[in-house]
Amino acid sequence: HPQTRARGMVTDGLTPEGKPYRQLAFPVRMSDFRFEVSRPPPRLGEHSREVLRGLGYGDEDITALSADGVI
């Protein structure tokens, strides 16, 4: 929406691979603090191993899931 872009709530950037991306910036505005988007959104599956470890999966299980194409 044009108003979203006019308020600076849409950011454009490049991924580490050089591909352009667009994402929403932080929607809340405060007079004494400015939130900045400092990096692109995560790539598909980028944090799968960390998330699965946090859920209690071991490295062997995660490797098997990856080999089976689940993650």
N, C-alpha and C. Protein backbone atom coordinates (compact mmCIF):
# COMPACT_ATOMS: atom_id res chain seq x y z
N HIS A 1 0.84 -1.17 0.00
CA HIS A 1 0.00 0.00 0.00
C HIS A 1 0.89 1.24 0.00
N PRO A 2 0.53 2.27 -0.74
CA PRO A 2 1.37 3.47 -0.81
C PRO A 2 1.64 4.11 0.56
N GLN A 3 0.67 4.08 1.45
CA GLN A 3 0.87 4.68 2.77
C GLN A 3 1.95 3.91 3.56
N THR A 4 1.97 2.60 3.43
CA THR A 4 2.97 1.79 4.12
C THR A 4 4.37 2.19 3.65
N ARG A 5 4.53 2.35 2.34
CA ARG A 5 5.84 2.75 1.81
C ARG A 5 6.17 4.19 2.21
N ALA A 6 5.18 5.10 2.20
CA ALA A 6 5.42 6.50 2.55
C ALA A 6 5.87 6.64 4.01
N ARG A 7 5.41 5.77 4.87
CA ARG A 7 5.81 5.81 6.28
C ARG A 7 7.15 5.12 6.52
N GLY A 8 7.78 4.62 5.46
CA GLY A 8 9.08 3.98 5.61
C GLY A 8 8.99 2.60 6.23
N MET A 9 7.84 1.94 6.06
CA MET A 9 7.64 0.64 6.69
C MET A 9 7.95 -0.52 5.76
N VAL A 10 8.51 -0.24 4.60
CA VAL A 10 8.92 -1.27 3.66
C VAL A 10 10.40 -1.06 3.38
N THR A 11 11.18 -2.12 3.49
CA THR A 11 12.61 -2.01 3.20
C THR A 11 12.97 -2.93 2.04
N ASP A 12 13.92 -2.49 1.27
CA ASP A 12 14.46 -3.28 0.17
C ASP A 12 15.93 -3.55 0.45
N GLY A 13 16.40 -4.69 0.04
CA GLY A 13 17.81 -5.02 0.25
C GLY A 13 18.23 -6.15 -0.65
N LEU A 14 19.44 -6.65 -0.41
CA LEU A 14 19.97 -7.77 -1.16
C LEU A 14 20.33 -8.89 -0.20
N THR A 15 20.03 -10.13 -0.61
CA THR A 15 20.43 -11.30 0.17
C THR A 15 21.94 -11.49 0.03
N PRO A 16 22.55 -12.36 0.84
CA PRO A 16 23.99 -12.62 0.67
C PRO A 16 24.33 -13.13 -0.74
N GLU A 17 23.36 -13.73 -1.42
CA GLU A 17 23.58 -14.21 -2.79
C GLU A 17 23.38 -13.11 -3.82
N GLY A 18 23.00 -11.91 -3.38
CA GLY A 18 22.82 -10.79 -4.29
C GLY A 18 21.42 -10.67 -4.88
N LYS A 19 20.47 -11.44 -4.37
CA LYS A 19 19.09 -11.36 -4.86
C LYS A 19 18.32 -10.28 -4.10
N PRO A 20 17.53 -9.49 -4.80
CA PRO A 20 16.76 -8.45 -4.10
C PRO A 20 15.64 -9.05 -3.26
N TYR A 21 15.35 -8.39 -2.16
CA TYR A 21 14.22 -8.80 -1.32
C TYR A 21 13.53 -7.54 -0.81
N ARG A 22 12.29 -7.72 -0.40
CA ARG A 22 11.49 -6.64 0.19
C ARG A 22 10.82 -7.22 1.43
N GLN A 23 10.85 -6.46 2.52
CA GLN A 23 10.19 -6.91 3.74
C GLN A 23 9.64 -5.71 4.50
N LEU A 24 8.73 -6.01 5.40
CA LEU A 24 8.17 -4.95 6.24
C LEU A 24 9.14 -4.60 7.35
N ALA A 25 9.27 -3.34 7.64
CA ALA A 25 10.08 -2.87 8.75
C ALA A 25 9.26 -2.98 10.03
N PHE A 26 9.87 -2.64 11.16
CA PHE A 26 9.17 -2.68 12.43
C PHE A 26 8.00 -1.70 12.39
N PRO A 27 6.78 -2.12 12.71
CA PRO A 27 5.60 -1.27 12.51
C PRO A 27 5.38 -0.18 13.56
N VAL A 28 6.07 -0.24 14.68
CA VAL A 28 5.87 0.72 15.76
C VAL A 28 6.88 1.85 15.63
N ARG A 29 6.43 3.08 15.75
CA ARG A 29 7.31 4.25 15.69
C ARG A 29 7.37 4.89 17.07
N MET A 30 8.59 5.23 17.51
CA MET A 30 8.78 5.91 18.78
C MET A 30 9.63 7.15 18.52
N SER A 31 9.34 8.23 19.21
CA SER A 31 10.02 9.49 18.93
C SER A 31 11.51 9.45 19.28
N ASP A 32 11.90 8.69 20.29
CA ASP A 32 13.30 8.69 20.74
C ASP A 32 14.09 7.48 20.28
N PHE A 33 13.49 6.59 19.51
CA PHE A 33 14.22 5.38 19.10
C PHE A 33 13.77 4.96 17.72
N ARG A 34 14.71 4.61 16.88
CA ARG A 34 14.39 4.16 15.53
C ARG A 34 14.86 2.72 15.37
N PHE A 35 13.93 1.85 15.02
CA PHE A 35 14.25 0.45 14.77
C PHE A 35 14.76 0.32 13.34
N GLU A 36 15.82 -0.43 13.14
CA GLU A 36 16.38 -0.63 11.81
C GLU A 36 16.36 -2.12 11.45
N VAL A 37 16.06 -2.41 10.21
CA VAL A 37 16.18 -3.77 9.70
C VAL A 37 17.62 -3.92 9.24
N SER A 38 18.38 -4.79 9.91
CA SER A 38 19.81 -4.85 9.64
C SER A 38 20.24 -6.05 8.80
N ARG A 39 19.33 -6.96 8.53
CA ARG A 39 19.70 -8.12 7.72
C ARG A 39 18.46 -8.69 7.04
N PRO A 40 18.67 -9.50 6.01
CA PRO A 40 17.52 -10.06 5.29
C PRO A 40 16.82 -11.12 6.12
N PRO A 41 15.59 -11.47 5.73
CA PRO A 41 14.90 -12.55 6.43
C PRO A 41 15.66 -13.86 6.22
N PRO A 42 15.48 -14.83 7.11
CA PRO A 42 16.21 -16.10 6.95
C PRO A 42 15.78 -16.84 5.69
N ARG A 43 16.74 -17.55 5.11
CA ARG A 43 16.44 -18.38 3.95
C ARG A 43 15.68 -19.62 4.41
N LEU A 44 14.95 -20.22 3.50
CA LEU A 44 14.19 -21.43 3.82
C LEU A 44 15.11 -22.49 4.41
N GLY A 45 14.80 -22.93 5.61
CA GLY A 45 15.57 -23.98 6.27
C GLY A 45 16.83 -23.52 6.95
N GLU A 46 17.12 -22.23 6.92
CA GLU A 46 18.38 -21.72 7.46
C GLU A 46 18.57 -22.06 8.94
N HIS A 47 17.50 -22.08 9.72
CA HIS A 47 17.62 -22.31 11.16
C HIS A 47 17.00 -23.65 11.59
N SER A 48 16.77 -24.54 10.65
CA SER A 48 16.10 -25.81 10.97
C SER A 48 16.84 -26.60 12.03
N ARG A 49 18.15 -26.71 11.89
CA ARG A 49 18.93 -27.50 12.87
C ARG A 49 18.83 -26.91 14.27
N GLU A 50 18.95 -25.58 14.37
CA GLU A 50 18.86 -24.95 15.69
C GLU A 50 17.48 -25.13 16.31
N VAL A 51 16.44 -25.01 15.49
CA VAL A 51 15.08 -25.17 16.00
C VAL A 51 14.87 -26.61 16.47
N LEU A 52 15.30 -27.57 15.67
CA LEU A 52 15.13 -28.98 16.05
C LEU A 52 15.93 -29.33 17.30
N ARG A 53 17.14 -28.79 17.43
CA ARG A 53 17.92 -29.02 18.66
C ARG A 53 17.17 -28.47 19.86
N GLY A 54 16.57 -27.30 19.70
CA GLY A 54 15.79 -26.70 20.78
C GLY A 54 14.57 -27.51 21.16
N LEU A 55 14.08 -28.31 20.22
CA LEU A 55 12.94 -29.19 20.49
C LEU A 55 13.36 -30.55 21.03
N GLY A 56 14.68 -30.74 21.20
CA GLY A 56 15.17 -31.96 21.80
C GLY A 56 15.70 -33.01 20.84
N TYR A 57 15.74 -32.73 19.55
CA TYR A 57 16.28 -33.68 18.59
C TYR A 57 17.80 -33.70 18.70
N GLY A 58 18.38 -34.90 18.56
CA GLY A 58 19.84 -35.03 18.56
C GLY A 58 20.39 -34.86 17.15
N ASP A 59 21.71 -34.71 17.07
CA ASP A 59 22.35 -34.50 15.78
C ASP A 59 22.11 -35.64 14.81
N GLU A 60 22.12 -36.88 15.30
CA GLU A 60 21.88 -38.03 14.41
C GLU A 60 20.48 -37.99 13.83
N ASP A 61 19.49 -37.68 14.65
CA ASP A 61 18.12 -37.58 14.18
C ASP A 61 17.96 -36.45 13.15
N ILE A 62 18.60 -35.33 13.40
CA ILE A 62 18.52 -34.20 12.49
C ILE A 62 19.18 -34.54 11.15
N THR A 63 20.32 -35.22 11.21
CA THR A 63 20.99 -35.63 9.98
C THR A 63 20.13 -36.59 9.19
N ALA A 64 19.45 -37.50 9.88
CA ALA A 64 18.56 -38.45 9.19
C ALA A 64 17.38 -37.72 8.56
N LEU A 65 16.81 -36.76 9.26
CA LEU A 65 15.72 -35.97 8.69
C LEU A 65 16.18 -35.21 7.45
N SER A 66 17.37 -34.67 7.51
CA SER A 66 17.92 -33.96 6.37
C SER A 66 18.17 -34.90 5.19
N ALA A 67 18.74 -36.07 5.47
CA ALA A 67 19.00 -37.06 4.41
C ALA A 67 17.72 -37.54 3.75
N ASP A 68 16.64 -37.61 4.53
CA ASP A 68 15.34 -38.05 4.00
C ASP A 68 14.57 -36.93 3.30
N GLY A 69 15.14 -35.73 3.30
CA GLY A 69 14.50 -34.60 2.64
C GLY A 69 13.37 -33.97 3.43
N VAL A 70 13.29 -34.27 4.73
CA VAL A 70 12.25 -33.71 5.58
C VAL A 70 12.56 -32.25 5.88
N ILE A 71 13.83 -31.97 6.09
CA ILE A 71 14.25 -30.58 6.33
C ILE A 71 15.26 -30.19 5.28
